[in-house]
Protein backbone atom coordinates (compact mmCIF):
# COMPACT_ATOMS: atom_id res chain seq x y z
CA UNK A 1 0.00 0.00 0.00
CA UNK A 2 1.36 3.38 -0.95
CA UNK A 3 0.70 7.08 -0.53
CA UNK A 4 -2.27 8.30 1.46
CA UNK A 5 -3.88 4.85 1.44
CA UNK A 6 -1.12 3.72 3.79
CA UNK A 7 -2.63 5.98 6.45
CA UNK A 8 -6.31 6.02 5.49
CA UNK A 9 -6.83 2.23 5.40
CA UNK A 10 -5.57 1.68 8.99
CA UNK A 11 -7.68 4.64 10.16
CA UNK A 12 -10.87 3.12 8.76
CA UNK A 13 -10.04 -0.42 9.83
CA UNK A 14 -9.06 0.61 13.36
CA UNK A 15 -12.16 2.79 13.64
CA UNK A 16 -14.51 -0.04 12.73
CA UNK A 17 -12.72 -2.50 15.00
CA UNK A 18 -12.56 -0.09 17.94
CA UNK A 19 -16.24 0.80 17.47
CA UNK A 20 -17.37 -2.84 17.56
CA UNK A 21 -14.97 -4.03 20.25
CA UNK A 22 -15.69 -1.18 22.66
CA UNK A 23 -19.43 -1.83 22.22
CA UNK A 24 -19.09 -5.51 23.06
CA UNK A 25 -16.66 -5.01 25.94
CA UNK A 26 -18.72 -2.17 27.42
CA UNK A 27 -21.83 -4.34 27.21
CA UNK A 28 -20.08 -7.34 28.79
CA UNK A 29 -18.75 -5.21 31.65
CA UNK A 30 -21.83 -3.10 32.36
CA UNK A 31 -24.85 -4.69 30.75
CA UNK A 32 -27.26 -2.10 29.36
CA UNK A 33 -27.45 0.77 31.90
CA UNK A 34 -29.20 4.02 30.96
CA UNK A 35 -25.86 5.72 30.22
CA UNK A 36 -24.56 2.86 28.05
CA UNK A 37 -24.11 4.96 24.92
CA UNK A 38 -22.18 7.68 26.75
CA UNK A 39 -19.86 5.14 28.36
CA UNK A 40 -19.41 3.29 25.09
CA UNK A 41 -18.55 6.45 23.17
CA UNK A 42 -16.09 7.50 25.89
CA UNK A 43 -14.34 4.13 25.55
CA UNK A 44 -14.39 4.42 21.75
CA UNK A 45 -12.84 7.91 21.75
CA UNK A 46 -9.98 6.55 23.87
CA UNK A 47 -9.61 3.27 21.97
CA UNK A 48 -9.61 4.52 18.37
CA UNK A 49 -6.37 6.54 18.45
CA UNK A 50 -4.64 3.68 20.26
CA UNK A 51 -5.98 1.16 17.73
CA UNK A 52 -4.83 3.42 14.87
CA UNK A 53 -1.28 3.57 16.24
CA UNK A 54 -1.30 -0.19 16.73
CA UNK A 55 -2.54 -0.70 13.16
CA UNK A 56 0.24 1.50 11.77
CA UNK A 57 2.81 -0.57 13.64
CA UNK A 58 1.21 -3.96 13.01
CA UNK A 59 0.36 -3.57 9.31
CA UNK A 60 3.90 -3.98 7.94
CA UNK A 61 4.51 -6.91 10.29
CA UNK A 62 1.24 -8.57 9.27
CA UNK A 63 1.99 -7.97 5.58
CA UNK A 64 5.42 -9.61 5.86
CA UNK A 65 4.04 -12.48 7.95
CA UNK A 66 1.26 -13.07 5.45
CA UNK A 67 3.70 -13.11 2.55
CA UNK A 68 5.91 -15.58 4.41
CA UNK A 69 3.01 -17.92 5.24
CA UNK A 70 1.66 -17.80 1.67
CA UNK A 71 5.13 -18.53 0.30
CA UNK A 72 5.43 -21.53 2.62
CA UNK A 73 1.98 -22.84 1.65
CA UNK A 74 2.63 -22.40 -2.06
CA UNK A 75 6.06 -24.00 -1.73
CA UNK A 76 4.51 -27.10 -0.09
CA UNK A 77 1.96 -27.52 -2.87
CA UNK A 78 4.60 -27.81 -5.62
């Protein structure tokens, strides 16, 4: 991935993941209290920037690991 996509893709991916994960974890920890949405959004606002930084760091590692695994699988099939 090159150019702006290198930064936009992890932003979208981390946003979706943080949104869903904070919803589930907030629900598991609190149930459905009247202030659920406020607590969930507070957790999301904290989680998204952290998830974005993690995605920027993890993406190159995951890309290399994926390439290595695929090369191993394709090498075994020959």
